[in-house]
Amino acid sequence: MAGTKLPNFTPVDRVTRLQCADGVVGNGASANPLSTITVNYTGALATTGEIFESSLDGGEPITLSLGQVIEGWAKGIPGMKVGGTRRLMIPAEMAYGPVGSCEKVSETDPTKCDKYSIPPNTPLVFDVTLINTQ
C-alpha cells in the first residue's frame, strides 16, 4: 500500500488540532491511555494522501503500548472500543514535528537525512482498526 493514496480522503494543507472520527463504533472493551493495543492501521501524509506505512502490508496487526507512540495516537486512541475503526487527523506537532521520520541517513553526514518517509512538519492521517486492548 505504501506509495498509493488513502481511500476516501481529500488532502488538506494543514491540520491545526487532533481530529478523531469513528467510522465504526466497536462493541468491545475500551482502550485507555495505559493500554497495550493490537491494531491494523494505515498511515498517510495528510497533505497528499500518500500512504507511507500500513500494517496490512505485512498481513499481521501490530501490538504496542499507548505509552510508546506519537502523541496523536496516545490522545486519539483512548476511548476507542474493540471492533471499532477511527480516522485520526494529527497535526505535525503531535506526530514527528520538525524532525520528521528519516528513511535513509546521509552516508557523508550521519546528522542529515537523504530521504524522509515523513517529511518534517507534516500532518498525518491514520485509519485505525482496534482488534484488542489490554
N, C-alpha and C. Protein backbone atom coordinates (compact mmCIF):
# COMPACT_ATOMS: atom_id res chain seq x y z
N MET A 1 0.81 -1.20 0.00
CA MET A 1 0.00 0.00 0.00
C MET A 1 0.85 1.27 0.00
N ALA A 2 2.07 1.17 0.54
CA ALA A 2 2.93 2.35 0.60
C ALA A 2 3.09 2.93 -0.80
N GLY A 3 2.97 4.26 -0.88
CA GLY A 3 3.10 4.94 -2.16
C GLY A 3 1.77 5.15 -2.87
N THR A 4 0.72 4.47 -2.43
CA THR A 4 -0.61 4.67 -3.02
C THR A 4 -1.37 5.71 -2.20
N LYS A 5 -2.53 6.10 -2.65
CA LYS A 5 -3.34 7.12 -1.97
C LYS A 5 -4.32 6.47 -0.99
N LEU A 6 -4.55 7.15 0.12
CA LEU A 6 -5.50 6.69 1.11
C LEU A 6 -6.91 6.82 0.55
N PRO A 7 -7.70 5.74 0.57
CA PRO A 7 -9.06 5.81 0.03
C PRO A 7 -9.97 6.74 0.85
N ASN A 8 -10.92 7.35 0.17
CA ASN A 8 -11.93 8.20 0.83
C ASN A 8 -11.31 9.32 1.65
N PHE A 9 -10.25 9.92 1.11
CA PHE A 9 -9.58 11.01 1.82
C PHE A 9 -9.23 12.12 0.85
N THR A 10 -9.55 13.35 1.22
CA THR A 10 -9.18 14.53 0.45
C THR A 10 -8.03 15.22 1.17
N PRO A 11 -6.87 15.36 0.52
CA PRO A 11 -5.72 16.00 1.16
C PRO A 11 -6.05 17.41 1.67
N VAL A 12 -5.36 17.81 2.72
CA VAL A 12 -5.54 19.13 3.33
C VAL A 12 -4.18 19.82 3.44
N ASP A 13 -4.19 21.14 3.48
CA ASP A 13 -2.95 21.90 3.60
C ASP A 13 -2.35 21.79 5.00
N ARG A 14 -3.24 21.84 6.01
CA ARG A 14 -2.75 21.75 7.38
C ARG A 14 -3.81 21.12 8.28
N VAL A 15 -3.33 20.65 9.40
CA VAL A 15 -4.20 20.14 10.45
C VAL A 15 -3.80 20.91 11.71
N THR A 16 -4.74 21.66 12.28
CA THR A 16 -4.40 22.53 13.40
C THR A 16 -4.67 21.91 14.76
N ARG A 17 -5.48 20.83 14.79
CA ARG A 17 -5.78 20.16 16.05
C ARG A 17 -6.06 18.69 15.77
N LEU A 18 -5.91 17.86 16.78
CA LEU A 18 -6.22 16.44 16.64
C LEU A 18 -7.71 16.27 16.36
N GLN A 19 -8.02 15.52 15.31
CA GLN A 19 -9.41 15.23 14.96
C GLN A 19 -9.59 13.72 14.91
N CYS A 20 -10.64 13.23 15.57
CA CYS A 20 -10.93 11.80 15.62
C CYS A 20 -12.35 11.58 15.11
N ALA A 21 -12.48 10.71 14.12
CA ALA A 21 -13.80 10.40 13.56
C ALA A 21 -13.98 8.89 13.51
N ASP A 22 -14.98 8.40 14.23
CA ASP A 22 -15.25 6.96 14.22
C ASP A 22 -16.00 6.60 12.95
N GLY A 23 -15.48 5.59 12.25
CA GLY A 23 -16.19 5.03 11.10
C GLY A 23 -17.17 3.98 11.59
N VAL A 24 -16.69 3.14 12.51
CA VAL A 24 -17.50 2.12 13.16
C VAL A 24 -17.20 2.20 14.65
N VAL A 25 -18.24 2.28 15.47
CA VAL A 25 -18.05 2.24 16.91
C VAL A 25 -18.07 0.78 17.32
N GLY A 26 -16.98 0.33 17.92
CA GLY A 26 -16.90 -1.07 18.33
C GLY A 26 -17.81 -1.37 19.51
N ASN A 27 -17.92 -2.65 19.84
CA ASN A 27 -18.76 -3.03 20.98
C ASN A 27 -17.97 -3.80 22.04
N GLY A 28 -16.65 -3.78 21.92
CA GLY A 28 -15.80 -4.48 22.89
C GLY A 28 -15.26 -3.53 23.94
N ALA A 29 -14.20 -3.96 24.61
CA ALA A 29 -13.55 -3.17 25.66
C ALA A 29 -12.99 -1.87 25.09
N SER A 30 -12.94 -0.83 25.92
CA SER A 30 -12.40 0.47 25.51
C SER A 30 -10.92 0.56 25.82
N ALA A 31 -10.17 1.16 24.91
CA ALA A 31 -8.75 1.44 25.16
C ALA A 31 -8.66 2.62 26.12
N ASN A 32 -7.63 2.61 26.97
CA ASN A 32 -7.36 3.74 27.85
C ASN A 32 -5.92 4.18 27.63
N PRO A 33 -5.51 5.31 28.22
CA PRO A 33 -4.16 5.82 27.95
C PRO A 33 -3.01 4.88 28.32
N LEU A 34 -3.27 3.89 29.18
CA LEU A 34 -2.22 2.95 29.59
C LEU A 34 -2.32 1.61 28.87
N SER A 35 -3.23 1.50 27.93
CA SER A 35 -3.48 0.23 27.25
C SER A 35 -2.33 -0.23 26.37
N THR A 36 -2.24 -1.54 26.25
CA THR A 36 -1.47 -2.17 25.18
C THR A 36 -2.52 -2.59 24.16
N ILE A 37 -2.35 -2.14 22.93
CA ILE A 37 -3.38 -2.35 21.91
C ILE A 37 -2.85 -3.20 20.75
N THR A 38 -3.75 -3.89 20.10
CA THR A 38 -3.46 -4.58 18.85
C THR A 38 -4.34 -3.94 17.80
N VAL A 39 -3.71 -3.47 16.72
CA VAL A 39 -4.44 -2.71 15.69
C VAL A 39 -3.97 -3.09 14.30
N ASN A 40 -4.83 -2.84 13.34
CA ASN A 40 -4.43 -2.69 11.95
C ASN A 40 -4.52 -1.20 11.68
N TYR A 41 -3.58 -0.68 10.91
CA TYR A 41 -3.59 0.76 10.63
C TYR A 41 -3.00 1.02 9.26
N THR A 42 -3.38 2.17 8.72
CA THR A 42 -2.77 2.70 7.51
C THR A 42 -2.48 4.16 7.78
N GLY A 43 -1.23 4.59 7.56
CA GLY A 43 -0.83 5.97 7.78
C GLY A 43 -0.51 6.66 6.47
N ALA A 44 -0.95 7.92 6.35
CA ALA A 44 -0.71 8.69 5.13
C ALA A 44 -0.34 10.12 5.49
N LEU A 45 0.31 10.79 4.55
CA LEU A 45 0.61 12.21 4.70
C LEU A 45 -0.70 12.96 4.45
N ALA A 46 -1.12 13.79 5.39
CA ALA A 46 -2.39 14.50 5.25
C ALA A 46 -2.36 15.50 4.09
N THR A 47 -1.18 15.97 3.73
CA THR A 47 -1.06 16.98 2.67
C THR A 47 -1.19 16.41 1.27
N THR A 48 -0.95 15.10 1.12
CA THR A 48 -1.02 14.48 -0.21
C THR A 48 -1.93 13.26 -0.26
N GLY A 49 -2.18 12.66 0.90
CA GLY A 49 -2.94 11.41 0.95
C GLY A 49 -2.09 10.20 0.64
N GLU A 50 -0.79 10.39 0.41
CA GLU A 50 0.09 9.27 0.07
C GLU A 50 0.37 8.41 1.30
N ILE A 51 0.12 7.12 1.17
CA ILE A 51 0.34 6.17 2.26
C ILE A 51 1.85 5.96 2.44
N PHE A 52 2.31 6.07 3.69
CA PHE A 52 3.73 5.82 3.97
C PHE A 52 3.94 4.49 4.68
N GLU A 53 2.88 3.95 5.30
CA GLU A 53 3.03 2.70 6.03
C GLU A 53 1.67 2.10 6.33
N SER A 54 1.60 0.77 6.30
CA SER A 54 0.36 0.08 6.65
C SER A 54 0.68 -1.29 7.24
N SER A 55 0.02 -1.61 8.34
CA SER A 55 0.20 -2.95 8.91
C SER A 55 -0.38 -4.00 7.98
N LEU A 56 -1.27 -3.60 7.09
CA LEU A 56 -1.87 -4.54 6.14
C LEU A 56 -0.85 -5.07 5.15
N ASP A 57 0.25 -4.32 4.93
CA ASP A 57 1.31 -4.78 4.02
C ASP A 57 1.96 -6.06 4.53
N GLY A 58 2.10 -6.17 5.85
CA GLY A 58 2.72 -7.35 6.43
C GLY A 58 1.74 -8.48 6.71
N GLY A 59 0.46 -8.17 6.55
CA GLY A 59 -0.56 -9.19 6.75
C GLY A 59 -0.88 -9.50 8.21
N GLU A 60 -0.23 -8.80 9.14
CA GLU A 60 -0.45 -9.03 10.56
C GLU A 60 -0.70 -7.71 11.27
N PRO A 61 -1.61 -7.68 12.24
CA PRO A 61 -1.76 -6.47 13.04
C PRO A 61 -0.53 -6.27 13.93
N ILE A 62 -0.40 -5.08 14.50
CA ILE A 62 0.71 -4.81 15.41
C ILE A 62 0.17 -4.62 16.82
N THR A 63 1.01 -4.95 17.79
CA THR A 63 0.67 -4.76 19.20
C THR A 63 1.68 -3.79 19.78
N LEU A 64 1.18 -2.76 20.47
CA LEU A 64 2.06 -1.75 21.05
C LEU A 64 1.39 -1.08 22.23
N SER A 65 2.21 -0.42 23.04
CA SER A 65 1.72 0.31 24.21
C SER A 65 1.42 1.75 23.82
N LEU A 66 0.30 2.28 24.30
CA LEU A 66 -0.03 3.67 24.00
C LEU A 66 0.95 4.64 24.67
N GLY A 67 1.77 4.14 25.59
CA GLY A 67 2.81 4.97 26.19
C GLY A 67 4.04 5.11 25.31
N GLN A 68 4.07 4.41 24.17
CA GLN A 68 5.26 4.41 23.31
C GLN A 68 4.94 4.81 21.88
N VAL A 69 3.94 5.65 21.70
CA VAL A 69 3.53 6.05 20.36
C VAL A 69 3.54 7.57 20.24
N ILE A 70 3.35 8.07 19.03
CA ILE A 70 3.29 9.52 18.85
C ILE A 70 2.10 10.07 19.63
N GLU A 71 2.18 11.33 20.00
CA GLU A 71 1.16 11.96 20.83
C GLU A 71 -0.24 11.87 20.22
N GLY A 72 -0.34 11.99 18.90
CA GLY A 72 -1.64 11.91 18.24
C GLY A 72 -2.33 10.58 18.47
N TRP A 73 -1.56 9.50 18.51
CA TRP A 73 -2.13 8.18 18.82
C TRP A 73 -2.45 8.09 20.31
N ALA A 74 -1.53 8.56 21.15
CA ALA A 74 -1.71 8.48 22.61
C ALA A 74 -2.97 9.21 23.05
N LYS A 75 -3.34 10.28 22.36
CA LYS A 75 -4.54 11.04 22.72
C LYS A 75 -5.75 10.66 21.87
N GLY A 76 -5.52 10.08 20.70
CA GLY A 76 -6.62 9.78 19.78
C GLY A 76 -7.20 8.38 19.87
N ILE A 77 -6.47 7.44 20.46
CA ILE A 77 -6.94 6.05 20.54
C ILE A 77 -7.78 5.78 21.80
N PRO A 78 -7.41 6.34 22.98
CA PRO A 78 -8.23 6.06 24.17
C PRO A 78 -9.71 6.39 23.93
N GLY A 79 -10.55 5.51 24.45
CA GLY A 79 -11.99 5.65 24.24
C GLY A 79 -12.50 4.81 23.08
N MET A 80 -11.59 4.42 22.20
CA MET A 80 -11.96 3.53 21.10
C MET A 80 -12.29 2.16 21.65
N LYS A 81 -13.29 1.50 21.06
CA LYS A 81 -13.70 0.18 21.51
C LYS A 81 -13.25 -0.89 20.53
N VAL A 82 -12.92 -2.07 21.06
CA VAL A 82 -12.52 -3.20 20.22
C VAL A 82 -13.60 -3.44 19.16
N GLY A 83 -13.14 -3.62 17.92
CA GLY A 83 -14.04 -3.80 16.79
C GLY A 83 -14.33 -2.51 16.06
N GLY A 84 -13.88 -1.38 16.63
CA GLY A 84 -14.14 -0.08 16.03
C GLY A 84 -13.07 0.35 15.05
N THR A 85 -13.44 1.31 14.20
CA THR A 85 -12.49 1.94 13.28
C THR A 85 -12.53 3.44 13.54
N ARG A 86 -11.38 4.07 13.43
CA ARG A 86 -11.29 5.51 13.68
C ARG A 86 -10.28 6.11 12.72
N ARG A 87 -10.61 7.30 12.21
CA ARG A 87 -9.66 8.09 11.42
C ARG A 87 -9.12 9.18 12.32
N LEU A 88 -7.79 9.24 12.42
CA LEU A 88 -7.11 10.27 13.20
C LEU A 88 -6.45 11.26 12.26
N MET A 89 -6.78 12.52 12.40
CA MET A 89 -6.09 13.60 11.68
C MET A 89 -5.18 14.25 12.72
N ILE A 90 -3.87 14.17 12.49
CA ILE A 90 -2.90 14.54 13.51
C ILE A 90 -2.03 15.71 13.03
N PRO A 91 -2.03 16.82 13.80
CA PRO A 91 -1.14 17.93 13.43
C PRO A 91 0.32 17.51 13.57
N ALA A 92 1.18 18.15 12.81
CA ALA A 92 2.61 17.79 12.79
C ALA A 92 3.22 17.77 14.18
N GLU A 93 2.84 18.74 15.01
CA GLU A 93 3.46 18.82 16.34
C GLU A 93 3.03 17.67 17.26
N MET A 94 2.00 16.92 16.89
CA MET A 94 1.59 15.74 17.66
C MET A 94 2.02 14.45 16.95
N ALA A 95 2.84 14.61 15.90
CA ALA A 95 3.34 13.47 15.13
C ALA A 95 4.88 13.47 15.22
N TYR A 96 5.55 13.81 14.13
CA TYR A 96 7.02 13.78 14.12
C TYR A 96 7.64 15.17 14.09
N GLY A 97 6.79 16.22 14.14
CA GLY A 97 7.24 17.60 14.30
C GLY A 97 8.29 18.04 13.30
N PRO A 98 9.22 18.92 13.76
CA PRO A 98 10.23 19.49 12.88
C PRO A 98 11.33 18.51 12.48
N VAL A 99 11.36 17.33 13.12
CA VAL A 99 12.40 16.34 12.83
C VAL A 99 11.99 15.43 11.68
N GLY A 100 10.71 15.09 11.59
CA GLY A 100 10.25 14.14 10.58
C GLY A 100 10.70 12.73 10.94
N SER A 101 10.55 11.83 10.01
CA SER A 101 11.00 10.45 10.19
C SER A 101 11.90 10.09 9.02
N CYS A 102 13.16 9.84 9.32
CA CYS A 102 14.16 9.61 8.28
C CYS A 102 14.16 8.15 7.83
N GLU A 103 14.10 7.96 6.52
CA GLU A 103 14.15 6.62 5.94
C GLU A 103 15.59 6.24 5.56
N LYS A 104 16.38 7.25 5.13
CA LYS A 104 17.76 6.98 4.70
C LYS A 104 18.67 8.11 5.18
N VAL A 105 19.57 7.76 6.11
CA VAL A 105 20.54 8.72 6.64
C VAL A 105 21.64 8.94 5.62
N SER A 106 22.12 10.17 5.54
CA SER A 106 23.20 10.52 4.63
C SER A 106 24.46 9.71 4.94
N GLU A 107 25.08 9.17 3.89
CA GLU A 107 26.32 8.40 4.08
C GLU A 107 27.49 9.32 4.38
N THR A 108 27.43 10.57 3.92
CA THR A 108 28.53 11.50 4.13
C THR A 108 28.39 12.31 5.41
N ASP A 109 27.15 12.47 5.90
CA ASP A 109 26.92 13.22 7.13
C ASP A 109 25.78 12.56 7.91
N PRO A 110 26.13 11.74 8.91
CA PRO A 110 25.10 10.99 9.63
C PRO A 110 24.11 11.85 10.42
N THR A 111 24.35 13.16 10.47
CA THR A 111 23.39 14.05 11.14
C THR A 111 22.33 14.55 10.16
N LYS A 112 22.43 14.17 8.89
CA LYS A 112 21.49 14.62 7.86
C LYS A 112 20.70 13.44 7.30
N CYS A 113 19.54 13.76 6.77
CA CYS A 113 18.68 12.74 6.18
C CYS A 113 18.63 12.93 4.67
N ASP A 114 18.90 11.85 3.93
CA ASP A 114 18.81 11.90 2.47
C ASP A 114 17.39 11.67 1.96
N LYS A 115 16.61 10.88 2.72
CA LYS A 115 15.24 10.59 2.29
C LYS A 115 14.35 10.41 3.51
N TYR A 116 13.25 11.17 3.52
CA TYR A 116 12.29 11.08 4.62
C TYR A 116 11.12 10.19 4.25
N SER A 117 10.68 9.33 5.18
CA SER A 117 9.41 8.64 4.98
C SER A 117 8.28 9.58 5.39
N ILE A 118 8.57 10.45 6.37
CA ILE A 118 7.64 11.50 6.77
C ILE A 118 8.45 12.79 6.86
N PRO A 119 8.23 13.73 5.94
CA PRO A 119 8.98 14.98 5.97
C PRO A 119 8.72 15.78 7.25
N PRO A 120 9.67 16.64 7.63
CA PRO A 120 9.45 17.49 8.80
C PRO A 120 8.18 18.33 8.65
N ASN A 121 7.54 18.60 9.79
CA ASN A 121 6.36 19.47 9.86
C ASN A 121 5.21 19.02 8.98
N THR A 122 5.00 17.71 8.89
CA THR A 122 3.93 17.17 8.06
C THR A 122 2.81 16.59 8.92
N PRO A 123 1.57 17.07 8.72
CA PRO A 123 0.45 16.46 9.43
C PRO A 123 0.15 15.08 8.83
N LEU A 124 -0.41 14.21 9.66
CA LEU A 124 -0.66 12.83 9.25
C LEU A 124 -2.12 12.45 9.41
N VAL A 125 -2.51 11.41 8.69
CA VAL A 125 -3.84 10.82 8.85
C VAL A 125 -3.64 9.31 8.99
N PHE A 126 -4.34 8.73 9.96
CA PHE A 126 -4.28 7.29 10.18
C PHE A 126 -5.69 6.72 10.21
N ASP A 127 -5.89 5.61 9.52
CA ASP A 127 -7.09 4.81 9.67
C ASP A 127 -6.72 3.63 10.56
N VAL A 128 -7.40 3.50 11.69
CA VAL A 128 -7.05 2.51 12.70
C VAL A 128 -8.25 1.61 12.98
N THR A 129 -8.00 0.31 13.05
CA THR A 129 -9.00 -0.67 13.50
C THR A 129 -8.47 -1.30 14.77
N LEU A 130 -9.23 -1.16 15.86
CA LEU A 130 -8.81 -1.72 17.14
C LEU A 130 -9.26 -3.18 17.25
N ILE A 131 -8.28 -4.06 17.34
CA ILE A 131 -8.54 -5.50 17.39
C ILE A 131 -8.59 -6.01 18.83
N ASN A 132 -7.71 -5.45 19.68
CA ASN A 132 -7.68 -5.89 21.08
C ASN A 132 -7.08 -4.78 21.93
N THR A 133 -7.45 -4.75 23.20
CA THR A 133 -6.85 -3.83 24.17
C THR A 133 -6.71 -4.55 25.50
N GLN A 134 -5.58 -4.27 26.17
CA GLN A 134 -5.32 -4.87 27.49
C GLN A 134 -4.87 -3.79 28.45
